[in-house]
Amino acid sequence: MSGTVEYIPTVEAVAPIEDCGRGHACSFCPEEDGCTLDKANHSKVHMERRLSKINWIIPVMANKGGVGKSTVSANLAVALAQLGYAVGLADADIHGPNAARLFGMQDEKVKVTGRGINVPEYDLERRSENTDQGAPTSRGTLRVGSLAFFLEEFDTPVVWRDAYKHDYIHHMLGSFDWGVLDFLIVDMPPGTGNELITLGDVLKGCNTSALLVTSADAIALQDTLKAARYCRETALPMLGVVENYAGTICPHCGGEFDMFPRAPEAEAFEQQGIATLARLPFTPAIGAGAAAGAPVAGDRNSPMHDIFAALATTCRDELIAQQRKMMS
């Protein structure tokens, strides 16, 4: 084991893009020490230019760990790409960056180029073992950006204070070369702390709407309701909530039953006007897809494909409706 990751270059002192022409923060530039350009506003200008090329941004939130945010993020990204859209998935879970593993991209490494940090593209034709090898049915793309691509070993812990987290969020949106995207899915860590606050500050003025994820047990529901309150109090629009682990099917009798007792908090979302967009059953197919590095939404033979495809369509339609409402 090579030790802990304790530092990422700061993005505070950076040179304006229109002068230097580089697509990344000054901290990645070999000419930084001798640069005499105005460095004060580079981060802001650079970030605005990156974000102007992204149509919609969906932070996937829960406030609770272990409810399936990363799984929902990965499968939603695949489902949107299969609809023909240009999609990016930004892994903002700094202390547990799992996106690379979920997409089977854990051996990828990134490079700093003149355009910024390259963002690897996921092969949408990738299939799990039980999927046919038919021709792809879409022309969408999916790029994945994760801190995992910077780590020397998979078990290297990331030990950062808030200042470094702040810098990484800025790098993730400003120095990563996302290109032109229809959707950017942001896989958020648990909680309503520094990462979420920083992201909210950066995304002010962007077409942003949160997707909440919960399971049906009382503790997870209570914590996700806190995330919903955060959204209301910060004027962050919400698409709705996805209920994960929403029952399973007995392998012996074929009967369906709930994984958890239905907590009364489940009704609170509807009472607050937050729609349930999907109920995801507990199924080995999701775990198998994660283990294979091929999200189950890409398996057209799986019933989960249809569930995530419907979720993607619902999210898209709700985003369009929200945008039209804001413009009216």
Protein backbone atom coordinates (compact mmCIF):
# COMPACT_ATOMS: atom_id res chain seq x y z
CA MET A 1 0.00 0.00 0.00
CA SER A 2 1.47 3.35 -1.06
CA GLY A 3 0.03 5.54 1.70
CA THR A 4 -2.77 8.03 1.87
CA VAL A 5 -3.73 10.75 -0.55
CA GLU A 6 -3.35 14.00 1.34
CA TYR A 7 -3.15 16.68 -1.35
CA ILE A 8 -4.54 17.76 -4.69
CA PRO A 9 -3.30 20.96 -6.35
CA THR A 10 -5.23 24.08 -5.46
CA VAL A 11 -7.30 25.85 -8.10
CA GLU A 12 -7.32 29.23 -6.42
CA ALA A 13 -4.38 30.81 -8.28
CA VAL A 14 -5.07 30.26 -11.97
CA ALA A 15 -4.61 32.03 -15.28
CA PRO A 16 -7.45 33.25 -17.47
CA ILE A 17 -8.36 30.88 -20.28
CA GLU A 18 -8.67 33.60 -22.87
CA ASP A 19 -4.99 34.50 -22.31
CA CYS A 20 -3.24 31.19 -21.67
CA GLY A 21 -5.50 28.91 -23.70
CA ARG A 22 -5.11 25.99 -21.29
CA GLY A 23 -8.12 23.97 -20.26
CA HIS A 24 -7.09 23.21 -16.70
CA ALA A 25 -6.11 24.87 -13.44
CA CYS A 26 -2.68 26.51 -13.15
CA SER A 27 -1.65 23.95 -10.56
CA PHE A 28 -1.37 21.40 -13.39
CA CYS A 29 0.67 23.74 -15.61
CA PRO A 30 4.46 23.36 -15.94
CA GLU A 31 4.72 27.11 -16.56
CA GLU A 32 2.90 28.16 -13.39
CA ASP A 33 5.95 29.41 -11.51
CA GLY A 34 6.94 31.83 -14.25
CA CYS A 35 3.45 32.86 -15.34
CA THR A 36 2.81 36.61 -15.18
CA LEU A 37 -0.82 36.57 -16.36
CA ASP A 38 -3.70 37.66 -14.17
CA LYS A 39 -4.54 34.57 -12.13
CA ALA A 40 -7.38 35.89 -10.00
CA ASN A 41 -10.42 35.01 -12.12
CA HIS A 42 -9.27 31.95 -14.05
CA SER A 43 -11.19 29.44 -11.94
CA LYS A 44 -14.46 31.36 -12.24
CA VAL A 45 -14.17 32.01 -15.99
CA HIS A 46 -13.01 28.47 -16.69
CA MET A 47 -15.82 26.93 -14.66
CA GLU A 48 -18.45 29.04 -16.39
CA ARG A 49 -17.20 27.96 -19.80
CA ARG A 50 -17.24 24.30 -18.85
CA LEU A 51 -20.72 24.48 -17.35
CA SER A 52 -22.11 26.43 -20.29
CA LYS A 53 -21.61 23.28 -22.39
CA ILE A 54 -23.74 21.13 -20.06
CA ASN A 55 -27.49 21.30 -20.50
CA TRP A 56 -28.78 19.61 -17.32
CA ILE A 57 -27.08 18.58 -14.07
CA ILE A 58 -28.54 15.96 -11.72
CA PRO A 59 -26.95 15.58 -8.25
CA VAL A 60 -27.95 12.18 -6.84
CA MET A 61 -28.39 12.66 -3.08
CA ALA A 62 -29.58 10.81 0.00
CA ASN A 63 -27.92 12.16 3.18
CA LYS A 64 -27.67 8.46 4.14
CA GLY A 65 -24.92 6.05 3.17
CA GLY A 66 -25.62 2.61 1.75
CA VAL A 67 -28.97 3.29 0.10
CA GLY A 68 -27.69 2.93 -3.47
CA LYS A 69 -26.78 6.42 -4.69
CA SER A 70 -23.83 5.16 -6.74
CA THR A 71 -25.86 2.30 -8.19
CA VAL A 72 -28.70 4.62 -9.18
CA SER A 73 -26.25 7.18 -10.58
CA ALA A 74 -24.43 4.62 -12.74
CA ASN A 75 -27.57 2.97 -14.09
CA LEU A 76 -29.35 6.27 -14.73
CA ALA A 77 -26.31 7.48 -16.67
CA VAL A 78 -26.31 4.33 -18.82
CA ALA A 79 -30.07 4.56 -19.40
CA LEU A 80 -29.85 8.20 -20.51
CA ALA A 81 -26.96 7.39 -22.85
CA GLN A 82 -29.00 4.55 -24.34
CA LEU A 83 -31.67 7.12 -25.19
CA GLY A 84 -29.06 8.75 -27.41
CA TYR A 85 -27.81 11.52 -25.12
CA ALA A 86 -24.29 12.70 -24.34
CA VAL A 87 -23.91 11.92 -20.63
CA GLY A 88 -21.23 12.43 -18.01
CA LEU A 89 -21.00 10.88 -14.56
CA ALA A 90 -19.01 12.89 -12.02
CA ASP A 91 -18.03 10.91 -8.92
CA ALA A 92 -18.13 13.42 -6.05
CA ASP A 93 -17.90 10.75 -3.35
CA ILE A 94 -14.34 11.69 -2.46
CA HIS A 95 -13.76 9.19 0.35
CA GLY A 96 -15.48 6.31 -1.46
CA PRO A 97 -15.10 6.84 -5.23
CA ASN A 98 -16.82 3.75 -6.64
CA ALA A 99 -17.77 4.87 -10.15
CA ALA A 100 -14.66 3.41 -11.76
CA ARG A 101 -15.41 -0.03 -10.28
CA LEU A 102 -19.07 0.07 -11.22
CA PHE A 103 -18.14 0.65 -14.86
CA GLY A 104 -15.21 -1.80 -14.94
CA MET A 105 -12.82 1.11 -15.50
CA GLN A 106 -10.67 0.74 -12.39
CA ASP A 107 -7.49 0.35 -14.46
CA GLU A 108 -8.03 3.64 -16.30
CA LYS A 109 -5.65 6.51 -15.66
CA VAL A 110 -6.15 10.12 -16.71
CA LYS A 111 -3.78 12.62 -18.30
CA VAL A 112 -3.57 16.38 -18.19
CA THR A 113 -3.67 17.83 -21.70
CA GLY A 114 -3.97 21.35 -23.04
CA ARG A 115 -7.75 20.91 -23.00
CA GLY A 116 -7.86 19.74 -19.39
CA ILE A 117 -7.98 16.39 -17.63
CA ASN A 118 -9.24 13.76 -20.05
CA VAL A 119 -12.45 11.99 -19.01
CA PRO A 120 -12.53 8.28 -20.01
CA GLU A 121 -15.48 7.07 -22.06
CA TYR A 122 -17.47 4.00 -21.05
CA ASP A 123 -18.14 1.43 -23.77
CA LEU A 124 -21.93 1.31 -24.03
CA GLU A 125 -21.69 -1.92 -26.02
CA ARG A 126 -20.26 -3.66 -22.97
CA ARG A 127 -22.51 -6.56 -21.97
CA SER A 128 -22.89 -8.68 -18.88
CA GLU A 129 -22.48 -12.42 -19.43
CA ASN A 130 -26.18 -13.14 -19.84
CA THR A 131 -26.75 -10.44 -22.46
CA ASP A 132 -26.92 -11.01 -26.19
CA GLN A 133 -24.29 -9.45 -28.44
CA GLY A 134 -26.73 -7.53 -30.63
CA ALA A 135 -25.85 -4.27 -32.31
CA PRO A 136 -26.03 -1.11 -30.21
CA THR A 137 -29.35 0.69 -30.52
CA SER A 138 -28.23 4.22 -29.68
CA ARG A 139 -25.58 6.78 -30.48
CA GLY A 140 -25.28 8.17 -26.98
CA THR A 141 -22.01 8.57 -25.11
CA LEU A 142 -21.05 8.21 -21.47
CA ARG A 143 -17.94 9.70 -19.86
CA VAL A 144 -16.90 8.90 -16.30
CA GLY A 145 -14.82 11.20 -14.08
CA SER A 146 -13.64 9.92 -10.71
CA LEU A 147 -10.95 10.53 -8.13
CA ALA A 148 -10.27 6.78 -8.39
CA PHE A 149 -8.43 7.41 -11.66
CA PHE A 150 -5.78 9.35 -9.71
CA LEU A 151 -5.14 6.70 -7.04
CA GLU A 152 -2.11 4.44 -7.35
CA GLU A 153 -3.85 1.50 -5.67
CA PHE A 154 -7.53 0.65 -5.24
CA ASP A 155 -7.28 0.54 -1.45
CA THR A 156 -5.53 3.90 -1.07
CA PRO A 157 -7.57 5.93 1.45
CA VAL A 158 -8.29 9.58 0.72
CA VAL A 159 -7.59 11.62 3.86
CA TRP A 160 -8.55 15.21 3.14
CA ARG A 161 -9.79 18.17 5.09
CA ASP A 162 -12.52 20.38 3.67
CA ALA A 163 -10.17 22.73 1.81
CA TYR A 164 -8.93 19.89 -0.40
CA LYS A 165 -12.49 18.68 -0.98
CA HIS A 166 -13.43 22.19 -2.08
CA ASP A 167 -10.55 22.17 -4.57
CA TYR A 168 -11.45 18.73 -5.92
CA ILE A 169 -15.08 19.70 -6.60
CA HIS A 170 -13.75 22.68 -8.57
CA HIS A 171 -11.34 20.42 -10.46
CA MET A 172 -14.12 17.91 -11.16
CA LEU A 173 -16.27 20.53 -12.85
CA GLY A 174 -13.63 22.95 -14.10
CA SER A 175 -10.52 20.99 -15.09
CA PHE A 176 -12.13 17.73 -16.25
CA ASP A 177 -12.69 17.95 -20.02
CA TRP A 178 -16.36 16.94 -20.14
CA GLY A 179 -17.00 18.52 -23.53
CA VAL A 180 -20.59 19.12 -24.62
CA LEU A 181 -23.09 17.15 -22.52
CA ASP A 182 -26.85 16.80 -22.40
CA PHE A 183 -26.72 15.46 -18.83
CA LEU A 184 -24.14 15.43 -16.05
CA ILE A 185 -25.00 13.02 -13.24
CA VAL A 186 -23.18 13.85 -9.99
CA ASP A 187 -22.86 10.96 -7.55
CA MET A 188 -22.85 12.74 -4.19
CA PRO A 189 -21.44 11.43 -0.89
CA PRO A 190 -23.71 10.99 2.13
CA GLY A 191 -24.58 14.06 4.14
CA THR A 192 -25.12 17.76 3.58
CA GLY A 193 -21.57 18.88 4.22
CA ASN A 194 -18.72 20.54 2.36
CA GLU A 195 -19.01 18.68 -0.94
CA LEU A 196 -22.69 19.51 -1.33
CA ILE A 197 -22.26 23.11 -0.19
CA THR A 198 -19.39 23.63 -2.63
CA LEU A 199 -21.32 22.02 -5.47
CA GLY A 200 -24.34 24.20 -4.74
CA ASP A 201 -22.21 27.34 -4.87
CA VAL A 202 -20.60 26.32 -8.16
CA LEU A 203 -23.87 25.35 -9.86
CA LYS A 204 -25.84 28.51 -9.10
CA GLY A 205 -27.52 29.60 -12.30
CA CYS A 206 -27.20 26.18 -13.95
CA ASN A 207 -30.08 23.88 -14.92
CA THR A 208 -29.76 21.70 -11.82
CA SER A 209 -32.29 19.39 -10.18
CA ALA A 210 -31.62 16.80 -7.48
CA LEU A 211 -32.65 13.15 -7.50
CA LEU A 212 -33.12 11.68 -4.02
CA VAL A 213 -32.47 8.02 -3.19
CA THR A 214 -33.76 6.14 -0.16
CA SER A 215 -34.72 2.72 1.08
CA ALA A 216 -38.03 2.04 2.81
CA ASP A 217 -36.71 1.68 6.36
CA ALA A 218 -37.43 4.46 8.84
CA ILE A 219 -33.83 5.58 9.42
CA ALA A 220 -33.00 5.95 5.72
CA LEU A 221 -36.29 7.75 5.11
CA GLN A 222 -35.66 10.21 7.94
CA ASP A 223 -32.19 11.01 6.62
CA THR A 224 -33.40 11.43 3.05
CA LEU A 225 -36.12 13.78 4.26
CA LYS A 226 -33.28 15.92 5.64
CA ALA A 227 -31.79 16.01 2.14
CA ALA A 228 -35.18 17.08 0.81
CA ARG A 229 -35.33 19.87 3.37
CA TYR A 230 -31.84 20.99 2.35
CA CYS A 231 -33.05 21.24 -1.24
CA ARG A 232 -36.08 23.30 -0.25
CA GLU A 233 -34.09 25.66 1.97
CA THR A 234 -31.42 26.23 -0.69
CA ALA A 235 -33.94 26.52 -3.54
CA LEU A 236 -32.51 23.45 -5.28
CA PRO A 237 -35.25 21.87 -7.42
CA MET A 238 -35.98 18.17 -6.96
CA LEU A 239 -36.93 15.65 -9.62
CA GLY A 240 -38.30 13.20 -7.08
CA VAL A 241 -37.21 10.19 -5.07
CA VAL A 242 -36.10 6.68 -6.01
CA GLU A 243 -36.93 3.97 -3.49
CA ASN A 244 -34.24 1.29 -3.50
CA TYR A 245 -34.54 -2.21 -2.01
CA ALA A 246 -38.28 -1.94 -2.55
CA GLY A 247 -39.14 -5.59 -2.08
CA THR A 248 -37.81 -8.79 -3.59
CA ILE A 249 -39.09 -12.00 -5.16
CA CYS A 250 -38.85 -15.32 -3.35
CA PRO A 251 -36.74 -17.75 -5.45
CA HIS A 252 -38.84 -20.69 -4.21
CA CYS A 253 -42.48 -19.61 -4.52
CA GLY A 254 -42.15 -16.56 -6.77
CA GLY A 255 -44.01 -14.37 -4.30
CA GLU A 256 -43.01 -10.74 -3.80
CA PHE A 257 -42.42 -9.31 -0.34
CA ASP A 258 -41.00 -6.13 1.19
CA MET A 259 -37.41 -6.10 2.44
CA PHE A 260 -38.25 -3.66 5.24
CA PRO A 261 -41.43 -2.86 7.18
CA ARG A 262 -43.11 0.08 5.48
CA ALA A 263 -42.29 3.08 7.67
CA PRO A 264 -44.82 5.93 7.98
CA GLU A 265 -42.11 8.36 6.84
CA ALA A 266 -42.58 6.94 3.34
CA GLU A 267 -45.78 8.96 3.02
CA ALA A 268 -43.98 12.20 3.92
CA PHE A 269 -42.46 12.53 0.45
CA GLU A 270 -45.88 12.50 -1.19
CA GLN A 271 -47.20 14.94 1.42
CA GLN A 272 -44.35 17.30 0.53
CA GLY A 273 -45.08 17.02 -3.17
CA ILE A 274 -42.03 14.85 -3.92
CA ALA A 275 -42.96 12.16 -6.42
CA THR A 276 -41.66 8.60 -6.22
CA LEU A 277 -40.12 8.11 -9.67
CA ALA A 278 -39.13 4.46 -9.35
CA ARG A 279 -39.18 1.54 -6.93
CA LEU A 280 -36.15 -0.69 -7.42
CA PRO A 281 -36.47 -4.28 -6.22
CA PHE A 282 -33.64 -6.04 -4.43
CA THR A 283 -32.30 -8.34 -7.13
CA PRO A 284 -29.03 -10.22 -7.69
CA ALA A 285 -28.91 -8.72 -11.19
CA ILE A 286 -27.85 -5.31 -9.85
CA GLY A 287 -25.04 -6.82 -7.79
CA ALA A 288 -23.93 -9.00 -10.68
CA GLY A 289 -23.76 -5.98 -12.96
CA ALA A 290 -21.68 -4.08 -10.43
CA ALA A 291 -19.32 -7.03 -9.99
CA ALA A 292 -18.92 -7.35 -13.76
CA GLY A 293 -18.35 -3.63 -14.22
CA ALA A 294 -21.40 -3.42 -16.47
CA PRO A 295 -24.44 -1.62 -14.95
CA VAL A 296 -27.58 -3.71 -15.32
CA ALA A 297 -29.37 -0.90 -17.16
CA GLY A 298 -27.24 -1.87 -20.16
CA ASP A 299 -28.57 -5.45 -20.15
CA ARG A 300 -31.58 -5.36 -22.44
CA ASN A 301 -32.56 -8.87 -21.35
CA SER A 302 -32.99 -7.81 -17.72
CA PRO A 303 -36.25 -6.45 -16.29
CA MET A 304 -34.11 -3.82 -14.56
CA HIS A 305 -33.26 -2.35 -17.95
CA ASP A 306 -36.88 -1.33 -18.44
CA ILE A 307 -37.13 0.16 -14.94
CA PHE A 308 -34.06 2.35 -15.42
CA ALA A 309 -35.11 3.28 -18.96
CA ALA A 310 -38.44 4.49 -17.56
CA LEU A 311 -36.62 6.40 -14.81
CA ALA A 312 -34.36 8.08 -17.38
CA THR A 313 -37.34 9.12 -19.49
CA THR A 314 -39.18 10.46 -16.44
CA CYS A 315 -36.15 12.48 -15.29
CA ARG A 316 -35.68 13.93 -18.76
CA ASP A 317 -39.33 14.91 -19.09
CA GLU A 318 -39.38 16.48 -15.62
CA LEU A 319 -36.25 18.50 -16.37
CA ILE A 320 -37.80 19.79 -19.57
CA ALA A 321 -40.98 20.70 -17.70
CA GLN A 322 -39.00 22.52 -15.00
CA GLN A 323 -37.02 24.43 -17.61
CA ARG A 324 -40.16 25.50 -19.46
CA LYS A 325 -41.75 26.62 -16.21
CA MET A 326 -38.72 28.78 -15.40
CA MET A 327 -38.78 30.35 -18.86
CA SER A 328 -42.51 31.07 -18.85
